[in-house]
Amino acid sequence: QEHRAPVFLVATANDIDALPPELLRKGRFDEIFFVDLPSEAVRREVFEIHLRKRDRDAAKLGIDLDAAARASEGFSAAEIEQAGVGALPNAYAAGCDLETGLLIAAIASPPPPSVAAPD
């Protein structure tokens, strides 16, 4: 509160109802924004970005990103990244490069909290 220079603070919370009301009053956090989970089109793009970061071209490998995006409903971008990362060791163990089936299997196990325990 007693800052001597301008301060800009950003925080995240999965359930702001669990926060004490004194944290949410004006002067503490002036604005609260809701950020929803990504749409199917955005999930597809997130898969593509994170696979490319790991030198995997989904188009060249024949990976069905539309199927991956549909299978990952309820996933955050970070959970999508981890599904992609989690599929890579399974591909290595199977002696092949990443494929749609391995990616879908990584998406299914374990499901993120928004899918496993929806409101």
C-alpha atoms as a PDB file:
ATOM      1  CA  GLN A   1       0.000   0.000   0.000  1.00  0.00           C
ATOM      2  CA  GLU A   2       2.745   2.473   0.820  1.00  0.00           C
ATOM      3  CA  HIS A   3       4.486   2.275  -2.542  1.00  0.00           C
ATOM      4  CA  ARG A   4       6.748   5.108  -3.688  1.00  0.00           C
ATOM      5  CA  ALA A   5       6.542   4.379  -7.387  1.00  0.00           C
ATOM      6  CA  PRO A   6       3.737   3.271  -9.717  1.00  0.00           C
ATOM      7  CA  VAL A   7       2.988  -0.418  -9.317  1.00  0.00           C
ATOM      8  CA  PHE A   8       1.185  -2.715 -11.726  1.00  0.00           C
ATOM      9  CA  LEU A   9       0.311  -6.118 -10.340  1.00  0.00           C
ATOM     10  CA  VAL A  10      -1.317  -9.034 -12.123  1.00  0.00           C
ATOM     11  CA  ALA A  11      -2.546 -12.114 -10.287  1.00  0.00           C
ATOM     12  CA  THR A  12      -4.511 -15.209 -11.210  1.00  0.00           C
ATOM     13  CA  ALA A  13      -6.947 -17.329  -9.259  1.00  0.00           C
ATOM     14  CA  ASN A  14      -8.981 -20.357 -10.229  1.00  0.00           C
ATOM     15  CA  ASP A  15     -11.755 -19.531  -7.751  1.00  0.00           C
ATOM     16  CA  ILE A  16     -12.000 -15.904  -6.651  1.00  0.00           C
ATOM     17  CA  ASP A  17     -14.949 -16.800  -4.420  1.00  0.00           C
ATOM     18  CA  ALA A  18     -12.439 -18.526  -2.140  1.00  0.00           C
ATOM     19  CA  LEU A  19     -10.436 -15.303  -1.664  1.00  0.00           C
ATOM     20  CA  PRO A  20     -11.117 -13.133   1.368  1.00  0.00           C
ATOM     21  CA  PRO A  21     -13.295 -10.109   0.494  1.00  0.00           C
ATOM     22  CA  GLU A  22     -10.653  -7.664   1.747  1.00  0.00           C
ATOM     23  CA  LEU A  23      -8.397  -8.717  -1.133  1.00  0.00           C
ATOM     24  CA  LEU A  24     -11.080  -7.932  -3.702  1.00  0.00           C
ATOM     25  CA  ARG A  25     -12.029  -4.436  -2.591  1.00  0.00           C
ATOM     26  CA  LYS A  26     -11.203  -1.429  -4.752  1.00  0.00           C
ATOM     27  CA  GLY A  27      -7.728  -0.212  -3.947  1.00  0.00           C
ATOM     28  CA  ARG A  28      -6.335  -3.718  -3.676  1.00  0.00           C
ATOM     29  CA  PHE A  29      -7.335  -5.072  -7.058  1.00  0.00           C
ATOM     30  CA  ASP A  30      -9.023  -2.372  -9.097  1.00  0.00           C
ATOM     31  CA  GLU A  31     -10.164  -4.637 -11.914  1.00  0.00           C
ATOM     32  CA  ILE A  32     -11.055  -8.295 -12.160  1.00  0.00           C
ATOM     33  CA  PHE A  33     -11.170  -9.994 -15.551  1.00  0.00           C
ATOM     34  CA  PHE A  34     -12.568 -13.377 -16.439  1.00  0.00           C
ATOM     35  CA  VAL A  35     -10.474 -15.378 -18.903  1.00  0.00           C
ATOM     36  CA  ASP A  36     -12.231 -18.458 -20.209  1.00  0.00           C
ATOM     37  CA  LEU A  37     -10.709 -21.684 -21.467  1.00  0.00           C
ATOM     38  CA  PRO A  38      -9.645 -21.608 -25.129  1.00  0.00           C
ATOM     39  CA  SER A  39     -12.090 -22.370 -27.929  1.00  0.00           C
ATOM     40  CA  GLU A  40     -11.592 -25.352 -30.239  1.00  0.00           C
ATOM     41  CA  ALA A  41      -9.899 -23.179 -32.883  1.00  0.00           C
ATOM     42  CA  VAL A  42      -7.520 -21.727 -30.302  1.00  0.00           C
ATOM     43  CA  ARG A  43      -6.761 -25.184 -28.863  1.00  0.00           C
ATOM     44  CA  ARG A  44      -5.827 -26.360 -32.363  1.00  0.00           C
ATOM     45  CA  GLU A  45      -3.470 -23.415 -32.743  1.00  0.00           C
ATOM     46  CA  VAL A  46      -1.922 -24.054 -29.318  1.00  0.00           C
ATOM     47  CA  PHE A  47      -1.200 -27.670 -30.286  1.00  0.00           C
ATOM     48  CA  GLU A  48       0.383 -26.507 -33.516  1.00  0.00           C
ATOM     49  CA  ILE A  49       2.551 -23.907 -31.751  1.00  0.00           C
ATOM     50  CA  HIS A  50       3.822 -26.280 -29.073  1.00  0.00           C
ATOM     51  CA  LEU A  51       4.504 -29.104 -31.496  1.00  0.00           C
ATOM     52  CA  ARG A  52       6.422 -26.702 -33.739  1.00  0.00           C
ATOM     53  CA  LYS A  53       8.438 -25.575 -30.696  1.00  0.00           C
ATOM     54  CA  ARG A  54       9.524 -29.189 -30.375  1.00  0.00           C
ATOM     55  CA  ASP A  55      10.439 -29.522 -34.061  1.00  0.00           C
ATOM     56  CA  ARG A  56       7.303 -31.460 -34.983  1.00  0.00           C
ATOM     57  CA  ASP A  57       5.394 -30.329 -38.073  1.00  0.00           C
ATOM     58  CA  ALA A  58       1.870 -31.646 -37.588  1.00  0.00           C
ATOM     59  CA  ALA A  59       1.046 -31.388 -41.293  1.00  0.00           C
ATOM     60  CA  LYS A  60       4.138 -33.348 -42.349  1.00  0.00           C
ATOM     61  CA  LEU A  61       3.525 -35.982 -39.683  1.00  0.00           C
ATOM     62  CA  GLY A  62      -0.154 -36.297 -40.609  1.00  0.00           C
ATOM     63  CA  ILE A  63      -1.312 -35.363 -37.113  1.00  0.00           C
ATOM     64  CA  ASP A  64      -5.002 -34.489 -37.022  1.00  0.00           C
ATOM     65  CA  LEU A  65      -4.943 -31.270 -35.016  1.00  0.00           C
ATOM     66  CA  ASP A  66      -8.717 -30.899 -35.391  1.00  0.00           C
ATOM     67  CA  ALA A  67      -9.205 -34.225 -33.595  1.00  0.00           C
ATOM     68  CA  ALA A  68      -6.738 -33.175 -30.895  1.00  0.00           C
ATOM     69  CA  ALA A  69      -8.555 -29.871 -30.455  1.00  0.00           C
ATOM     70  CA  ARG A  70     -11.921 -31.634 -30.128  1.00  0.00           C
ATOM     71  CA  ALA A  71     -10.488 -34.160 -27.646  1.00  0.00           C
ATOM     72  CA  SER A  72      -9.012 -31.416 -25.480  1.00  0.00           C
ATOM     73  CA  GLU A  73     -12.213 -29.554 -24.646  1.00  0.00           C
ATOM     74  CA  GLY A  74     -11.905 -28.066 -21.154  1.00  0.00           C
ATOM     75  CA  PHE A  75      -8.110 -27.841 -21.365  1.00  0.00           C
ATOM     76  CA  SER A  76      -6.121 -24.687 -20.690  1.00  0.00           C
ATOM     77  CA  ALA A  77      -3.231 -23.770 -22.982  1.00  0.00           C
ATOM     78  CA  ALA A  78      -0.744 -25.061 -20.389  1.00  0.00           C
ATOM     79  CA  GLU A  79      -2.579 -28.397 -20.190  1.00  0.00           C
ATOM     80  CA  ILE A  80      -2.544 -28.655 -23.981  1.00  0.00           C
ATOM     81  CA  GLU A  81       1.201 -28.059 -23.975  1.00  0.00           C
ATOM     82  CA  GLN A  82       1.712 -30.784 -21.375  1.00  0.00           C
ATOM     83  CA  ALA A  83      -0.405 -33.247 -23.381  1.00  0.00           C
ATOM     84  CA  GLY A  84       1.837 -32.639 -26.383  1.00  0.00           C
ATOM     85  CA  VAL A  85       4.986 -32.917 -24.297  1.00  0.00           C
ATOM     86  CA  GLY A  86       3.657 -36.066 -22.624  1.00  0.00           C
ATOM     87  CA  ALA A  87       3.019 -37.760 -25.957  1.00  0.00           C
ATOM     88  CA  LEU A  88       6.624 -37.399 -27.149  1.00  0.00           C
ATOM     89  CA  PRO A  89       8.234 -39.975 -24.787  1.00  0.00           C
ATOM     90  CA  ASN A  90       5.463 -42.440 -25.684  1.00  0.00           C
ATOM     91  CA  ALA A  91       6.278 -41.981 -29.367  1.00  0.00           C
ATOM     92  CA  TYR A  92       9.960 -42.502 -28.635  1.00  0.00           C
ATOM     93  CA  ALA A  93       9.207 -45.650 -26.623  1.00  0.00           C
ATOM     94  CA  ALA A  94       7.060 -46.964 -29.479  1.00  0.00           C
ATOM     95  CA  GLY A  95       9.906 -46.355 -31.914  1.00  0.00           C
ATOM     96  CA  CYS A  96       7.963 -43.907 -34.045  1.00  0.00           C
ATOM     97  CA  ASP A  97       7.425 -40.202 -34.412  1.00  0.00           C
ATOM     98  CA  LEU A  98       4.438 -38.472 -32.885  1.00  0.00           C
ATOM     99  CA  GLU A  99       1.075 -39.467 -34.362  1.00  0.00           C
ATOM    100  CA  THR A 100      -2.551 -38.572 -33.740  1.00  0.00           C
ATOM    101  CA  GLY A 101      -3.326 -41.670 -31.646  1.00  0.00           C
ATOM    102  CA  LEU A 102      -0.461 -41.025 -29.253  1.00  0.00           C
ATOM    103  CA  LEU A 103      -1.467 -37.383 -28.916  1.00  0.00           C
ATOM    104  CA  ILE A 104      -5.109 -38.299 -28.210  1.00  0.00           C
ATOM    105  CA  ALA A 105      -3.986 -40.880 -25.622  1.00  0.00           C
ATOM    106  CA  ALA A 106      -1.876 -38.224 -23.862  1.00  0.00           C
ATOM    107  CA  ILE A 107      -4.863 -35.863 -23.859  1.00  0.00           C
ATOM    108  CA  ALA A 108      -7.043 -38.488 -22.179  1.00  0.00           C
ATOM    109  CA  SER A 109      -4.661 -39.287 -19.324  1.00  0.00           C
ATOM    110  CA  PRO A 110      -5.060 -37.731 -16.849  1.00  0.00           C
ATOM    111  CA  PRO A 111      -7.841 -35.262 -17.629  1.00  0.00           C
ATOM    112  CA  PRO A 112      -7.468 -31.689 -16.322  1.00  0.00           C
ATOM    113  CA  PRO A 113      -9.538 -30.515 -13.335  1.00  0.00           C
ATOM    114  CA  SER A 114     -12.093 -28.718 -15.524  1.00  0.00           C
ATOM    115  CA  VAL A 115     -12.901 -32.037 -17.226  1.00  0.00           C
ATOM    116  CA  ALA A 116     -12.445 -34.435 -14.301  1.00  0.00           C
ATOM    117  CA  ALA A 117     -14.532 -32.438 -11.827  1.00  0.00           C
ATOM    118  CA  PRO A 118     -16.730 -29.920 -13.677  1.00  0.00           C
ATOM    119  CA  ASP A 119     -18.884 -27.530 -11.651  1.00  0.00           C
END
